[in-house]
PDB file of N, CA and C in Angstrom:
ATOM      1  N   MET A   1      -0.435 -24.620   2.278  1.00  0.00           N
ATOM      2  CA  MET A   1       0.223 -24.652   3.438  1.00  0.00           C
ATOM      3  C   MET A   1       1.627 -24.460   3.021  1.00  0.00           C
ATOM      4  N   ALA A   2       1.989 -24.541   2.491  1.00  0.00           N
ATOM      5  CA  ALA A   2       2.850 -24.793   2.283  1.00  0.00           C
ATOM      6  C   ALA A   2       3.437 -23.197   1.984  1.00  0.00           C
ATOM      7  N   LEU A   3       2.452 -22.291   1.487  1.00  0.00           N
ATOM      8  CA  LEU A   3       2.607 -20.934   1.184  1.00  0.00           C
ATOM      9  C   LEU A   3       2.588 -19.684   2.914  1.00  0.00           C
ATOM     10  N   THR A   4       2.244 -20.958   3.445  1.00  0.00           N
ATOM     11  CA  THR A   4       1.567 -20.082   5.496  1.00  0.00           C
ATOM     12  C   THR A   4       2.783 -18.899   5.603  1.00  0.00           C
ATOM     13  N   PRO A   5       4.152 -19.477   5.578  1.00  0.00           N
ATOM     14  CA  PRO A   5       5.402 -18.683   5.233  1.00  0.00           C
ATOM     15  C   PRO A   5       5.453 -17.303   4.451  1.00  0.00           C
ATOM     16  N   GLN A   6       5.036 -17.719   3.707  1.00  0.00           N
ATOM     17  CA  GLN A   6       5.302 -16.333   3.217  1.00  0.00           C
ATOM     18  C   GLN A   6       4.272 -15.554   3.123  1.00  0.00           C
ATOM     19  N   ALA A   7       2.957 -16.063   3.539  1.00  0.00           N
ATOM     20  CA  ALA A   7       1.520 -14.854   3.399  1.00  0.00           C
ATOM     21  C   ALA A   7       1.834 -14.021   4.812  1.00  0.00           C
ATOM     22  N   GLY A   8       2.849 -14.939   5.874  1.00  0.00           N
ATOM     23  CA  GLY A   8       3.645 -13.605   6.961  1.00  0.00           C
ATOM     24  C   GLY A   8       3.849 -12.800   6.909  1.00  0.00           C
ATOM     25  N   ILE A   9       4.691 -13.254   5.619  1.00  0.00           N
ATOM     26  CA  ILE A   9       6.118 -12.366   5.457  1.00  0.00           C
ATOM     27  C   ILE A   9       4.741 -10.519   4.662  1.00  0.00           C
ATOM     28  N   ALA A  10       4.298 -11.277   3.570  1.00  0.00           N
ATOM     29  CA  ALA A  10       3.134 -10.756   2.743  1.00  0.00           C
ATOM     30  C   ALA A  10       2.880  -9.118   3.964  1.00  0.00           C
ATOM     31  N   MET A  11       2.113  -9.869   4.649  1.00  0.00           N
ATOM     32  CA  MET A  11       1.467  -9.178   6.138  1.00  0.00           C
ATOM     33  C   MET A  11       2.349  -8.116   6.092  1.00  0.00           C
ATOM     34  N   GLY A  12       3.617  -8.665   6.996  1.00  0.00           N
ATOM     35  CA  GLY A  12       4.309  -8.347   7.563  1.00  0.00           C
ATOM     36  C   GLY A  12       4.838  -6.652   6.625  1.00  0.00           C
ATOM     37  N   MET A  13       5.195  -6.909   5.007  1.00  0.00           N
ATOM     38  CA  MET A  13       5.146  -6.202   4.254  1.00  0.00           C
ATOM     39  C   MET A  13       4.217  -5.165   4.001  1.00  0.00           C
ATOM     40  N   ALA A  14       2.953  -5.845   4.205  1.00  0.00           N
ATOM     41  CA  ALA A  14       1.686  -4.634   4.097  1.00  0.00           C
ATOM     42  C   ALA A  14       2.003  -3.800   5.598  1.00  0.00           C
ATOM     43  N   LEU A  15       2.459  -4.007   6.590  1.00  0.00           N
ATOM     44  CA  LEU A  15       2.085  -3.257   7.726  1.00  0.00           C
ATOM     45  C   LEU A  15       3.683  -2.180   7.164  1.00  0.00           C
ATOM     46  N   LEU A  16       4.257  -2.313   6.701  1.00  0.00           N
ATOM     47  CA  LEU A  16       5.449  -1.949   7.122  1.00  0.00           C
ATOM     48  C   LEU A  16       5.226  -0.325   6.124  1.00  0.00           C
ATOM     49  N   VAL A  17       4.571  -1.157   5.180  1.00  0.00           N
ATOM     50  CA  VAL A  17       3.870  -0.043   3.620  1.00  0.00           C
ATOM     51  C   VAL A  17       3.111   0.884   4.234  1.00  0.00           C
ATOM     52  N   ALA A  18       2.191   0.321   5.088  1.00  0.00           N
ATOM     53  CA  ALA A  18       1.316   1.340   5.640  1.00  0.00           C
ATOM     54  C   ALA A  18       1.706   2.284   6.636  1.00  0.00           C
ATOM     55  N   GLU A  19       3.134   1.687   7.237  1.00  0.00           N
ATOM     56  CA  GLU A  19       3.233   2.535   8.088  1.00  0.00           C
ATOM     57  C   GLU A  19       4.224   4.286   7.564  1.00  0.00           C
ATOM     58  N   ARG A  20       4.415   3.283   6.753  1.00  0.00           N
ATOM     59  CA  ARG A  20       5.797   4.498   5.855  1.00  0.00           C
ATOM     60  C   ARG A  20       4.735   5.013   4.510  1.00  0.00           C
ATOM     61  N   PHE A  21       4.024   4.088   4.156  1.00  0.00           N
ATOM     62  CA  PHE A  21       3.363   5.680   3.630  1.00  0.00           C
ATOM     63  C   PHE A  21       1.667   5.642   3.716  1.00  0.00           C
ATOM     64  N   PRO A  22       1.670   6.745   4.724  1.00  0.00           N
ATOM     65  CA  PRO A  22       0.387   6.252   5.443  1.00  0.00           C
ATOM     66  C   PRO A  22      -0.620   6.735   4.043  1.00  0.00           C
ATOM     67  N   ASP A  23      -0.775   7.630   3.337  1.00  0.00           N
ATOM     68  CA  ASP A  23      -1.986   7.559   1.770  1.00  0.00           C
ATOM     69  C   ASP A  23      -2.296   6.339   1.060  1.00  0.00           C
ATOM     70  N   TYR A  24      -1.110   5.900   0.983  1.00  0.00           N
ATOM     71  CA  TYR A  24      -1.789   4.212   0.172  1.00  0.00           C
ATOM     72  C   TYR A  24      -1.700   3.064   1.773  1.00  0.00           C
ATOM     73  N   GLY A  25      -1.506   2.963   2.797  1.00  0.00           N
ATOM     74  CA  GLY A  25      -1.631   2.087   3.791  1.00  0.00           C
ATOM     75  C   GLY A  25      -2.764   1.385   3.541  1.00  0.00           C
ATOM     76  N   THR A  26      -4.255   2.097   3.836  1.00  0.00           N
ATOM     77  CA  THR A  26      -5.288   1.294   3.884  1.00  0.00           C
ATOM     78  C   THR A  26      -5.065   0.630   2.507  1.00  0.00           C
ATOM     79  N   LEU A  27      -4.891   1.069   1.203  1.00  0.00           N
ATOM     80  CA  LEU A  27      -5.291   0.099   0.117  1.00  0.00           C
ATOM     81  C   LEU A  27      -4.445  -1.073   0.609  1.00  0.00           C
ATOM     82  N   VAL A  28      -2.880  -1.087   0.127  1.00  0.00           N
ATOM     83  CA  VAL A  28      -1.831  -2.068   0.365  1.00  0.00           C
ATOM     84  C   VAL A  28      -2.384  -2.882   1.499  1.00  0.00           C
ATOM     85  N   LEU A  29      -2.791  -3.128   2.379  1.00  0.00           N
ATOM     86  CA  LEU A  29      -3.003  -3.703   3.560  1.00  0.00           C
ATOM     87  C   LEU A  29      -4.124  -4.401   3.309  1.00  0.00           C
ATOM     88  N   SER A  30      -5.780  -3.808   2.798  1.00  0.00           N
ATOM     89  CA  SER A  30      -6.654  -4.349   2.646  1.00  0.00           C
ATOM     90  C   SER A  30      -6.489  -5.222   1.373  1.00  0.00           C
ATOM     91  N   THR A  31      -5.656  -4.826   0.081  1.00  0.00           N
ATOM     92  CA  THR A  31      -5.583  -5.619  -0.671  1.00  0.00           C
ATOM     93  C   THR A  31      -4.463  -6.987  -0.676  1.00  0.00           C
ATOM     94  N   VAL A  32      -3.310  -6.956   0.336  1.00  0.00           N
ATOM     95  CA  VAL A  32      -3.034  -8.111   0.759  1.00  0.00           C
ATOM     96  C   VAL A  32      -3.372  -8.744   1.393  1.00  0.00           C
ATOM     97  N   VAL A  33      -4.238  -8.482   2.734  1.00  0.00           N
ATOM     98  CA  VAL A  33      -4.845  -9.190   3.314  1.00  0.00           C
ATOM     99  C   VAL A  33      -6.206  -9.789   2.322  1.00  0.00           C
ATOM    100  N   VAL A  34      -7.001  -9.828   1.864  1.00  0.00           N
ATOM    101  CA  VAL A  34      -7.771 -10.342   1.019  1.00  0.00           C
ATOM    102  C   VAL A  34      -7.639 -11.192  -0.012  1.00  0.00           C
ATOM    103  N   SER A  35      -6.617 -11.086  -0.436  1.00  0.00           N
ATOM    104  CA  SER A  35      -5.578 -11.357  -1.248  1.00  0.00           C
ATOM    105  C   SER A  35      -5.066 -12.746  -1.056  1.00  0.00           C
ATOM    106  N   THR A  36      -4.358 -12.596  -0.153  1.00  0.00           N
ATOM    107  CA  THR A  36      -3.721 -13.949   1.592  1.00  0.00           C
ATOM    108  C   THR A  36      -5.166 -14.578   1.679  1.00  0.00           C
ATOM    109  N   VAL A  37      -6.518 -14.104   2.317  1.00  0.00           N
ATOM    110  CA  VAL A  37      -6.954 -14.756   2.743  1.00  0.00           C
ATOM    111  C   VAL A  37      -7.621 -15.964   1.345  1.00  0.00           C
ATOM    112  N   PHE A  38      -7.882 -15.462   0.422  1.00  0.00           N
ATOM    113  CA  PHE A  38      -8.934 -15.811  -1.141  1.00  0.00           C
ATOM    114  C   PHE A  38      -7.934 -17.330  -1.202  1.00  0.00           C
ATOM    115  N   PHE A  39      -6.116 -16.724  -1.715  1.00  0.00           N
ATOM    116  CA  PHE A  39      -5.354 -17.580  -1.931  1.00  0.00           C
ATOM    117  C   PHE A  39      -5.242 -18.871  -1.065  1.00  0.00           C
ATOM    118  N   GLU A  40      -5.168 -17.997   0.545  1.00  0.00           N
ATOM    119  CA  GLU A  40      -5.154 -19.559   1.391  1.00  0.00           C
ATOM    120  C   GLU A  40      -6.252 -20.570   1.687  1.00  0.00           C
ATOM    121  N   LEU A  41      -7.023 -19.616   1.589  1.00  0.00           N
ATOM    122  CA  LEU A  41      -8.991 -20.859   1.513  1.00  0.00           C
ATOM    123  C   LEU A  41      -8.984 -21.378   0.604  1.00  0.00           C
ATOM    124  N   LEU A  42      -8.312 -20.982  -1.081  1.00  0.00           N
ATOM    125  CA  LEU A  42      -9.064 -21.295  -1.991  1.00  0.00           C
ATOM    126  C   LEU A  42      -7.934 -22.252  -2.662  1.00  0.00           C
ATOM    127  N   GLY A  43      -6.665 -21.598  -2.551  1.00  0.00           N
ATOM    128  CA  GLY A  43      -5.428 -22.253  -3.334  1.00  0.00           C
ATOM    129  C   GLY A  43      -5.533 -24.031  -3.012  1.00  0.00           C
ATOM    130  N   PRO A  44      -5.825 -24.816  -1.921  1.00  0.00           N
ATOM    131  CA  PRO A  44      -5.593 -26.273  -2.286  1.00  0.00           C
ATOM    132  C   PRO A  44      -6.665 -26.702  -2.638  1.00  0.00           C
ATOM    133  N   PHE A  45      -7.706 -26.333  -2.938  1.00  0.00           N
ATOM    134  CA  PHE A  45      -8.603 -26.918  -3.976  1.00  0.00           C
ATOM    135  C   PHE A  45      -8.254 -26.757  -5.144  1.00  0.00           C
ATOM    136  N   LEU A  46      -8.208 -25.479  -6.044  1.00  0.00           N
ATOM    137  CA  LEU A  46      -7.754 -25.561  -7.154  1.00  0.00           C
ATOM    138  C   LEU A  46      -6.773 -26.022  -7.598  1.00  0.00           C
ATOM    139  N   VAL A  47      -5.402 -26.447  -6.864  1.00  0.00           N
ATOM    140  CA  VAL A  47      -4.523 -27.060  -7.132  1.00  0.00           C
ATOM    141  C   VAL A  47      -5.022 -28.625  -7.292  1.00  0.00           C
ATOM    142  N   ARG A  48      -5.710 -29.039  -6.273  1.00  0.00           N
ATOM    143  CA  ARG A  48      -6.421 -30.275  -6.317  1.00  0.00           C
ATOM    144  C   ARG A  48      -6.947 -30.660  -7.451  1.00  0.00           C
ATOM    145  N   HIS A  49      -7.937 -29.273  -7.998  1.00  0.00           N
ATOM    146  CA  HIS A  49      -8.928 -29.560  -9.394  1.00  0.00           C
ATOM    147  C   HIS A  49      -7.385 -29.654 -10.573  1.00  0.00           C
ATOM    148  N   VAL A  50      -6.577 -29.239 -10.578  1.00  0.00           N
ATOM    149  CA  VAL A  50      -5.813 -28.790 -11.399  1.00  0.00           C
ATOM    150  C   VAL A  50      -5.057 -29.570 -11.546  1.00  0.00           C
ATOM    151  N   LEU A  51      -4.624 -30.559 -10.735  1.00  0.00           N
ATOM    152  CA  LEU A  51      -3.954 -32.080 -10.626  1.00  0.00           C
ATOM    153  C   LEU A  51      -4.581 -33.487 -11.209  1.00  0.00           C
ATOM    154  N   ARG A  52      -6.173 -33.418 -11.031  1.00  0.00           N
ATOM    155  CA  ARG A  52      -6.955 -34.482 -10.830  1.00  0.00           C
ATOM    156  C   ARG A  52      -6.889 -34.626 -12.542  1.00  0.00           C
TER     157      ARG A  52
END
């Protein structure tokens, strides 16, 4: 939950990169979206597991 605002900024920056560099836009945007979703969903469970 604490990284949700940072995830929004990462998505916004990825959109800016996609607009500025169309050749790499799809790659950057898909990488940022997949990694953001991955860490938003699995991050809390992994942190809880490590702290136990």
